Amino acid sequence: MRRLFISDLHLTEVDSPQYRGFVRLLHTARQHADQLYILGDLCEVWVGDDDDAPLPCALQDALRTASTDLALFFLPGNRDFLLGNDFAAQCGLTLLTDPCRLDDATLITHGDQYCTDDTDYQRMRQMMRSNAWQQEILSRSLDERRALAATLREHSIATKANKPANIMDVNAAAIENALNDHSTRWLIHGHTHRPGVHAHGSGKRFALGAWEHCGWMIEQSGVSEPQLSCFRLADRYET
């Protein structure tokens, strides 16, 4: 069993290095991997499964094609938590609950729930992940949702600029508690855009980076330790 994990592509348009890199990765993963896990923030924003913009339409086609040879899993992030069952069914995605423990004692998560030092963010996250808030937003017109998404994005950028960098990273105690609570040895996450491998007690945390200058991914074969790497977006990913 060979698994690939990616996160934080923050796709905005089809004509971008990030999207082209993702399509190349899908093509190669179909030949050399068994499973692909997308740990949130595949897109910069997701306003609903009924979005008819070029990017979600292209993603649906690319994922549907890949799903014929590759098991695809999606765990929502803070940008695309409105991605739902309709889109998943159309393109062969299996939606996962955050966090999710895999059968070999690997815990996967988007990661934002473990940034517990950022209390303002956690309050907003709790509101936006509630069924009531999401249903109210999805009841609005597509144009209204697009306008709201743009406003929230501007607010997020302004808020981050005034926050200490350390509170936007995961909390070490929260990670260790998660490893212990789920009886796992490894935890894989995205969100923080701080790629690296970190020891937490007897376990390890593997943080994926954002797809900015290269495509960060984690590979895991069988029950071996996950391996973090990054490929140039201009290149085709080879194994």
C-alpha atoms as a PDB file:
ATOM      1  CA  MET A   1       0.000   0.000   0.000  1.00  0.00           C
ATOM      2  CA  ARG A   2       1.453   3.327  -1.057  1.00  0.00           C
ATOM      3  CA  ARG A   3      -0.099   6.569   0.159  1.00  0.00           C
ATOM      4  CA  LEU A   4       0.440  10.188  -0.795  1.00  0.00           C
ATOM      5  CA  PHE A   5      -0.616  13.160   1.366  1.00  0.00           C
ATOM      6  CA  ILE A   6      -0.917  16.780   0.209  1.00  0.00           C
ATOM      7  CA  SER A   7      -2.427  19.947   1.628  1.00  0.00           C
ATOM      8  CA  ASP A   8      -2.706  23.697   1.149  1.00  0.00           C
ATOM      9  CA  LEU A   9      -2.587  24.014  -2.625  1.00  0.00           C
ATOM     10  CA  HIS A  10      -4.864  27.075  -2.318  1.00  0.00           C
ATOM     11  CA  LEU A  11      -5.893  26.793  -5.952  1.00  0.00           C
ATOM     12  CA  THR A  12      -7.476  29.907  -7.445  1.00  0.00           C
ATOM     13  CA  GLU A  13      -7.471  29.314 -11.192  1.00  0.00           C
ATOM     14  CA  VAL A  14      -6.854  26.637 -13.770  1.00  0.00           C
ATOM     15  CA  ASP A  15      -4.063  28.565 -15.476  1.00  0.00           C
ATOM     16  CA  SER A  16      -1.587  28.399 -12.591  1.00  0.00           C
ATOM     17  CA  PRO A  17       1.565  26.415 -11.751  1.00  0.00           C
ATOM     18  CA  GLN A  18      -0.211  24.976  -8.710  1.00  0.00           C
ATOM     19  CA  TYR A  19      -3.105  23.566 -10.714  1.00  0.00           C
ATOM     20  CA  ARG A  20      -0.874  22.194 -13.445  1.00  0.00           C
ATOM     21  CA  GLY A  21       1.356  20.611 -10.782  1.00  0.00           C
ATOM     22  CA  PHE A  22      -1.681  19.021  -9.166  1.00  0.00           C
ATOM     23  CA  VAL A  23      -2.866  17.521 -12.448  1.00  0.00           C
ATOM     24  CA  ARG A  24       0.617  16.116 -13.093  1.00  0.00           C
ATOM     25  CA  LEU A  25       0.687  14.641  -9.607  1.00  0.00           C
ATOM     26  CA  LEU A  26      -2.691  12.982 -10.174  1.00  0.00           C
ATOM     27  CA  HIS A  27      -1.454  11.501 -13.434  1.00  0.00           C
ATOM     28  CA  THR A  28       1.669   9.998 -11.882  1.00  0.00           C
ATOM     29  CA  ALA A  29      -0.078   8.915  -8.673  1.00  0.00           C
ATOM     30  CA  ARG A  30      -2.505   6.848 -10.736  1.00  0.00           C
ATOM     31  CA  GLN A  31       0.444   4.786 -11.913  1.00  0.00           C
ATOM     32  CA  HIS A  32       2.539   4.564  -8.755  1.00  0.00           C
ATOM     33  CA  ALA A  33       0.292   5.002  -5.695  1.00  0.00           C
ATOM     34  CA  ASP A  34      -2.812   3.393  -4.219  1.00  0.00           C
ATOM     35  CA  GLN A  35      -4.275   6.268  -2.224  1.00  0.00           C
ATOM     36  CA  LEU A  36      -4.147  10.070  -2.262  1.00  0.00           C
ATOM     37  CA  TYR A  37      -5.196  12.059   0.802  1.00  0.00           C
ATOM     38  CA  ILE A  38      -5.939  15.784   0.386  1.00  0.00           C
ATOM     39  CA  LEU A  39      -5.786  17.347   3.857  1.00  0.00           C
ATOM     40  CA  GLY A  40      -7.723  20.524   3.180  1.00  0.00           C
ATOM     41  CA  ASP A  41      -7.313  23.878   1.468  1.00  0.00           C
ATOM     42  CA  LEU A  42      -7.191  22.330  -1.966  1.00  0.00           C
ATOM     43  CA  CYS A  43      -8.790  25.606  -3.073  1.00  0.00           C
ATOM     44  CA  GLU A  44      -8.381  29.109  -1.740  1.00  0.00           C
ATOM     45  CA  VAL A  45     -12.136  29.228  -1.266  1.00  0.00           C
ATOM     46  CA  TRP A  46     -15.087  26.894  -1.828  1.00  0.00           C
ATOM     47  CA  VAL A  47     -18.509  28.540  -1.973  1.00  0.00           C
ATOM     48  CA  GLY A  48     -20.570  25.399  -2.539  1.00  0.00           C
ATOM     49  CA  ASP A  49     -20.824  22.326  -4.710  1.00  0.00           C
ATOM     50  CA  ASP A  50     -23.013  24.242  -7.168  1.00  0.00           C
ATOM     51  CA  ASP A  51     -20.193  26.623  -8.117  1.00  0.00           C
ATOM     52  CA  ASP A  52     -19.935  26.666 -11.918  1.00  0.00           C
ATOM     53  CA  ALA A  53     -16.674  28.628 -12.131  1.00  0.00           C
ATOM     54  CA  PRO A  54     -13.880  27.159 -14.311  1.00  0.00           C
ATOM     55  CA  LEU A  55     -11.768  25.861 -11.398  1.00  0.00           C
ATOM     56  CA  PRO A  56     -14.323  23.611  -9.631  1.00  0.00           C
ATOM     57  CA  CYS A  57     -15.489  22.284 -12.996  1.00  0.00           C
ATOM     58  CA  ALA A  58     -11.924  21.435 -14.029  1.00  0.00           C
ATOM     59  CA  LEU A  59     -11.211  19.855 -10.639  1.00  0.00           C
ATOM     60  CA  GLN A  60     -14.273  17.668 -10.937  1.00  0.00           C
ATOM     61  CA  ASP A  61     -13.089  16.331 -14.295  1.00  0.00           C
ATOM     62  CA  ALA A  62      -9.495  15.796 -13.140  1.00  0.00           C
ATOM     63  CA  LEU A  63     -10.498  14.035  -9.919  1.00  0.00           C
ATOM     64  CA  ARG A  64     -13.119  11.873 -11.614  1.00  0.00           C
ATOM     65  CA  THR A  65     -10.524  10.661 -14.108  1.00  0.00           C
ATOM     66  CA  ALA A  66      -7.960   9.962 -11.370  1.00  0.00           C
ATOM     67  CA  SER A  67     -10.488   8.080  -9.231  1.00  0.00           C
ATOM     68  CA  THR A  68     -10.688   5.273 -11.799  1.00  0.00           C
ATOM     69  CA  ASP A  69      -7.206   4.099 -10.743  1.00  0.00           C
ATOM     70  CA  LEU A  70      -6.596   5.855  -7.433  1.00  0.00           C
ATOM     71  CA  ALA A  71      -8.487   5.942  -4.123  1.00  0.00           C
ATOM     72  CA  LEU A  72      -9.091   9.622  -3.323  1.00  0.00           C
ATOM     73  CA  PHE A  73      -9.762  10.994   0.159  1.00  0.00           C
ATOM     74  CA  PHE A  74     -10.576  14.554   1.193  1.00  0.00           C
ATOM     75  CA  LEU A  75     -10.409  16.072   4.651  1.00  0.00           C
ATOM     76  CA  PRO A  76     -11.779  19.657   4.649  1.00  0.00           C
ATOM     77  CA  GLY A  77      -9.617  22.632   5.567  1.00  0.00           C
ATOM     78  CA  ASN A  78     -10.501  26.126   6.705  1.00  0.00           C
ATOM     79  CA  ARG A  79     -10.829  27.301   3.079  1.00  0.00           C
ATOM     80  CA  ASP A  80     -12.932  24.518   1.618  1.00  0.00           C
ATOM     81  CA  PHE A  81     -15.009  23.129   4.485  1.00  0.00           C
ATOM     82  CA  LEU A  82     -18.169  23.738   2.401  1.00  0.00           C
ATOM     83  CA  LEU A  83     -17.105  21.053  -0.061  1.00  0.00           C
ATOM     84  CA  GLY A  84     -19.799  18.454   0.368  1.00  0.00           C
ATOM     85  CA  ASN A  85     -21.317  15.159  -0.627  1.00  0.00           C
ATOM     86  CA  ASP A  86     -22.548  16.274  -4.043  1.00  0.00           C
ATOM     87  CA  PHE A  87     -19.116  17.230  -5.343  1.00  0.00           C
ATOM     88  CA  ALA A  88     -17.513  14.214  -3.678  1.00  0.00           C
ATOM     89  CA  ALA A  89     -19.966  11.823  -5.327  1.00  0.00           C
ATOM     90  CA  GLN A  90     -19.452  13.407  -8.744  1.00  0.00           C
ATOM     91  CA  CYS A  91     -15.698  12.915  -8.719  1.00  0.00           C
ATOM     92  CA  GLY A  92     -15.078   9.833  -6.576  1.00  0.00           C
ATOM     93  CA  LEU A  93     -13.854  11.498  -3.377  1.00  0.00           C
ATOM     94  CA  THR A  94     -14.310   9.908   0.023  1.00  0.00           C
ATOM     95  CA  LEU A  95     -14.917  12.625   2.634  1.00  0.00           C
ATOM     96  CA  LEU A  96     -13.210  12.180   5.996  1.00  0.00           C
ATOM     97  CA  THR A  97     -13.903  13.618   9.431  1.00  0.00           C
ATOM     98  CA  ASP A  98     -11.162  15.703  11.040  1.00  0.00           C
ATOM     99  CA  PRO A  99      -9.124  14.182  12.642  1.00  0.00           C
ATOM    100  CA  CYS A 100      -9.023  10.749  11.061  1.00  0.00           C
ATOM    101  CA  ARG A 101      -7.019   7.775  12.320  1.00  0.00           C
ATOM    102  CA  LEU A 102      -5.790   5.478   9.588  1.00  0.00           C
ATOM    103  CA  ASP A 103      -5.478   1.760  10.200  1.00  0.00           C
ATOM    104  CA  ASP A 104      -1.718   1.830  10.725  1.00  0.00           C
ATOM    105  CA  ALA A 105      -1.798   4.282  13.651  1.00  0.00           C
ATOM    106  CA  THR A 106      -1.296   7.381  11.512  1.00  0.00           C
ATOM    107  CA  LEU A 107      -3.461  10.362  12.466  1.00  0.00           C
ATOM    108  CA  ILE A 108      -4.322  12.852   9.720  1.00  0.00           C
ATOM    109  CA  THR A 109      -5.825  16.316  10.179  1.00  0.00           C
ATOM    110  CA  HIS A 110      -5.940  19.680   8.482  1.00  0.00           C
ATOM    111  CA  GLY A 111      -4.267  20.993  11.622  1.00  0.00           C
ATOM    112  CA  ASP A 112      -6.080  24.217  12.437  1.00  0.00           C
ATOM    113  CA  GLN A 113      -7.919  22.782  15.434  1.00  0.00           C
ATOM    114  CA  TYR A 114      -4.538  22.277  17.143  1.00  0.00           C
ATOM    115  CA  CYS A 115      -3.577  25.975  16.836  1.00  0.00           C
ATOM    116  CA  THR A 116      -5.114  26.407  20.261  1.00  0.00           C
ATOM    117  CA  ASP A 117      -3.098  29.494  21.230  1.00  0.00           C
ATOM    118  CA  ASP A 118      -5.082  31.494  18.654  1.00  0.00           C
ATOM    119  CA  THR A 119      -8.290  31.738  20.656  1.00  0.00           C
ATOM    120  CA  ASP A 120      -9.964  34.229  18.285  1.00  0.00           C
ATOM    121  CA  TYR A 121      -9.465  31.846  15.378  1.00  0.00           C
ATOM    122  CA  GLN A 122     -10.808  28.902  17.373  1.00  0.00           C
ATOM    123  CA  ARG A 123     -14.011  30.802  18.167  1.00  0.00           C
ATOM    124  CA  MET A 124     -14.493  31.633  14.473  1.00  0.00           C
ATOM    125  CA  ARG A 125     -13.690  28.058  13.488  1.00  0.00           C
ATOM    126  CA  GLN A 126     -16.327  26.695  15.853  1.00  0.00           C
ATOM    127  CA  MET A 127     -18.948  29.011  14.356  1.00  0.00           C
ATOM    128  CA  MET A 128     -18.072  28.250  10.725  1.00  0.00           C
ATOM    129  CA  ARG A 129     -17.955  24.491  11.249  1.00  0.00           C
ATOM    130  CA  SER A 130     -21.448  24.430  12.774  1.00  0.00           C
ATOM    131  CA  ASN A 131     -24.228  22.943  10.651  1.00  0.00           C
ATOM    132  CA  ALA A 132     -26.489  25.932  11.323  1.00  0.00           C
ATOM    133  CA  TRP A 133     -23.954  28.471  10.024  1.00  0.00           C
ATOM    134  CA  GLN A 134     -23.105  26.400   6.964  1.00  0.00           C
ATOM    135  CA  GLN A 135     -26.728  25.785   6.027  1.00  0.00           C
ATOM    136  CA  GLU A 136     -27.489  29.491   6.332  1.00  0.00           C
ATOM    137  CA  ILE A 137     -24.580  30.369   4.052  1.00  0.00           C
ATOM    138  CA  LEU A 138     -25.448  27.698   1.484  1.00  0.00           C
ATOM    139  CA  SER A 139     -29.032  28.988   1.340  1.00  0.00           C
ATOM    140  CA  ARG A 140     -27.755  32.251  -0.171  1.00  0.00           C
ATOM    141  CA  SER A 141     -27.314  32.835  -3.883  1.00  0.00           C
ATOM    142  CA  LEU A 142     -24.040  31.927  -5.563  1.00  0.00           C
ATOM    143  CA  ASP A 143     -23.199  35.600  -6.111  1.00  0.00           C
ATOM    144  CA  GLU A 144     -23.827  36.382  -2.453  1.00  0.00           C
ATOM    145  CA  ARG A 145     -21.583  33.534  -1.367  1.00  0.00           C
ATOM    146  CA  ARG A 146     -18.802  34.670  -3.687  1.00  0.00           C
ATOM    147  CA  ALA A 147     -19.008  38.204  -2.297  1.00  0.00           C
ATOM    148  CA  LEU A 148     -18.963  36.897   1.284  1.00  0.00           C
ATOM    149  CA  ALA A 149     -15.943  34.704   0.529  1.00  0.00           C
ATOM    150  CA  ALA A 150     -14.029  37.714  -0.809  1.00  0.00           C
ATOM    151  CA  THR A 151     -14.881  39.733   2.299  1.00  0.00           C
ATOM    152  CA  LEU A 152     -13.840  36.941   4.651  1.00  0.00           C
ATOM    153  CA  ARG A 153     -10.576  36.505   2.764  1.00  0.00           C
ATOM    154  CA  GLU A 154      -9.730  40.200   3.122  1.00  0.00           C
ATOM    155  CA  HIS A 155     -10.556  40.030   6.822  1.00  0.00           C
ATOM    156  CA  SER A 156      -8.332  36.972   7.258  1.00  0.00           C
ATOM    157  CA  ILE A 157      -5.353  38.662   5.607  1.00  0.00           C
ATOM    158  CA  ALA A 158      -5.744  41.773   7.760  1.00  0.00           C
ATOM    159  CA  THR A 159      -6.151  39.740  10.951  1.00  0.00           C
ATOM    160  CA  LYS A 160      -3.064  37.593  10.308  1.00  0.00           C
ATOM    161  CA  ALA A 161      -0.938  40.684   9.747  1.00  0.00           C
ATOM    162  CA  ASN A 162      -1.594  41.783  13.329  1.00  0.00           C
ATOM    163  CA  LYS A 163      -1.040  38.435  15.058  1.00  0.00           C
ATOM    164  CA  PRO A 164       2.191  37.098  16.560  1.00  0.00           C
ATOM    165  CA  ALA A 165       3.484  34.336  14.293  1.00  0.00           C
ATOM    166  CA  ASN A 166       3.860  31.798  17.102  1.00  0.00           C
ATOM    167  CA  ILE A 167       0.152  31.662  17.997  1.00  0.00           C
ATOM    168  CA  MET A 168      -0.697  30.615  14.426  1.00  0.00           C
ATOM    169  CA  ASP A 169       1.340  27.424  14.761  1.00  0.00           C
ATOM    170  CA  VAL A 170       0.111  24.216  16.383  1.00  0.00           C
ATOM    171  CA  ASN A 171       0.384  23.888  20.142  1.00  0.00           C
ATOM    172  CA  ALA A 172       2.840  21.159  21.199  1.00  0.00           C
ATOM    173  CA  ALA A 173       0.701  19.970  24.106  1.00  0.00           C
ATOM    174  CA  ALA A 174      -2.379  19.768  21.870  1.00  0.00           C
ATOM    175  CA  ILE A 175      -0.447  17.599  19.402  1.00  0.00           C
ATOM    176  CA  GLU A 176       0.845  15.276  22.114  1.00  0.00           C
ATOM    177  CA  ASN A 177      -2.672  14.938  23.527  1.00  0.00           C
ATOM    178  CA  ALA A 178      -3.978  14.055  20.066  1.00  0.00           C
ATOM    179  CA  LEU A 179      -1.308  11.397  19.578  1.00  0.00           C
ATOM    180  CA  ASN A 180      -2.109   9.894  22.970  1.00  0.00           C
ATOM    181  CA  ASP A 181      -5.900  10.135  22.654  1.00  0.00           C
ATOM    182  CA  HIS A 182      -5.903   8.362  19.290  1.00  0.00           C
ATOM    183  CA  SER A 183      -3.101   5.908  20.176  1.00  0.00           C
ATOM    184  CA  THR A 184      -1.095   6.946  17.143  1.00  0.00           C
ATOM    185  CA  ARG A 185       2.594   7.173  16.421  1.00  0.00           C
ATOM    186  CA  TRP A 186       2.519   9.712  13.592  1.00  0.00           C
ATOM    187  CA  LEU A 187       0.434  12.800  12.931  1.00  0.00           C
ATOM    188  CA  ILE A 188       0.281  14.402   9.467  1.00  0.00           C
ATOM    189  CA  HIS A 189      -1.193  17.874   8.963  1.00  0.00           C
ATOM    190  CA  GLY A 190      -1.200  21.029   6.872  1.00  0.00           C
ATOM    191  CA  HIS A 191      -2.594  24.519   7.550  1.00  0.00           C
ATOM    192  CA  THR A 192       0.416  26.174   9.185  1.00  0.00           C
ATOM    193  CA  HIS A 193       2.533  26.428   6.005  1.00  0.00           C
ATOM    194  CA  ARG A 194       5.542  25.413   8.105  1.00  0.00           C
ATOM    195  CA  PRO A 195       6.826  22.173   6.587  1.00  0.00           C
ATOM    196  CA  GLY A 196       8.955  19.959   8.761  1.00  0.00           C
ATOM    197  CA  VAL A 197       9.230  16.869  10.943  1.00  0.00           C
ATOM    198  CA  HIS A 198       8.986  17.284  14.706  1.00  0.00           C
ATOM    199  CA  ALA A 199       9.329  14.888  17.626  1.00  0.00           C
ATOM    200  CA  HIS A 200       6.526  14.820  20.202  1.00  0.00           C
ATOM    201  CA  GLY A 201       7.277  12.396  22.994  1.00  0.00           C
ATOM    202  CA  SER A 202       7.435   8.928  21.439  1.00  0.00           C
ATOM    203  CA  GLY A 203       5.663  10.130  18.293  1.00  0.00           C
ATOM    204  CA  LYS A 204       6.357  12.440  15.370  1.00  0.00           C
ATOM    205  CA  ARG A 205       4.476  15.231  13.623  1.00  0.00           C
ATOM    206  CA  PHE A 206       4.829  15.731   9.881  1.00  0.00           C
ATOM    207  CA  ALA A 207       3.791  19.200   8.690  1.00  0.00           C
ATOM    208  CA  LEU A 208       3.067  19.768   5.011  1.00  0.00           C
ATOM    209  CA  GLY A 209       3.919  23.060   3.359  1.00  0.00           C
ATOM    210  CA  ALA A 210       1.813  25.246   1.084  1.00  0.00           C
ATOM    211  CA  TRP A 211       2.179  24.904  -2.675  1.00  0.00           C
ATOM    212  CA  GLU A 212       3.921  28.195  -3.353  1.00  0.00           C
ATOM    213  CA  HIS A 213       7.283  27.583  -5.021  1.00  0.00           C
ATOM    214  CA  CYS A 214       7.121  23.790  -4.886  1.00  0.00           C
ATOM    215  CA  GLY A 215       4.605  21.042  -4.267  1.00  0.00           C
ATOM    216  CA  TRP A 216       4.933  19.631  -0.761  1.00  0.00           C
ATOM    217  CA  MET A 217       3.842  16.067  -0.223  1.00  0.00           C
ATOM    218  CA  ILE A 218       4.310  13.114   2.102  1.00  0.00           C
ATOM    219  CA  GLU A 219       4.790   9.559   0.893  1.00  0.00           C
ATOM    220  CA  GLN A 220       4.212   6.469   2.973  1.00  0.00           C
ATOM    221  CA  SER A 221       4.769   2.880   1.861  1.00  0.00           C
ATOM    222  CA  GLY A 222       3.151   0.182   3.960  1.00  0.00           C
ATOM    223  CA  VAL A 223       3.775   0.794   7.642  1.00  0.00           C
ATOM    224  CA  SER A 224       7.052   2.646   7.101  1.00  0.00           C
ATOM    225  CA  GLU A 225       7.665   6.123   8.476  1.00  0.00           C
ATOM    226  CA  PRO A 226       6.207   8.912   6.311  1.00  0.00           C
ATOM    227  CA  GLN A 227       8.655  10.839   4.132  1.00  0.00           C
ATOM    228  CA  LEU A 228       8.299  14.585   3.508  1.00  0.00           C
ATOM    229  CA  SER A 229       9.479  16.015   0.185  1.00  0.00           C
ATOM    230  CA  CYS A 230       8.863  18.839  -2.249  1.00  0.00           C
ATOM    231  CA  PHE A 231       8.900  18.833  -6.051  1.00  0.00           C
ATOM    232  CA  ARG A 232       9.252  21.814  -8.352  1.00  0.00           C
ATOM    233  CA  LEU A 233       5.883  22.819  -9.732  1.00  0.00           C
ATOM    234  CA  ALA A 234       7.450  23.272 -13.141  1.00  0.00           C
ATOM    235  CA  ASP A 235       8.532  19.636 -13.170  1.00  0.00           C
ATOM    236  CA  ARG A 236       6.626  16.431 -13.506  1.00  0.00           C
ATOM    237  CA  TYR A 237       6.685  14.414 -10.294  1.00  0.00           C
ATOM    238  CA  GLU A 238       8.588  11.179 -10.843  1.00  0.00           C
ATOM    239  CA  THR A 239       8.990   8.236  -8.486  1.00  0.00           C
END
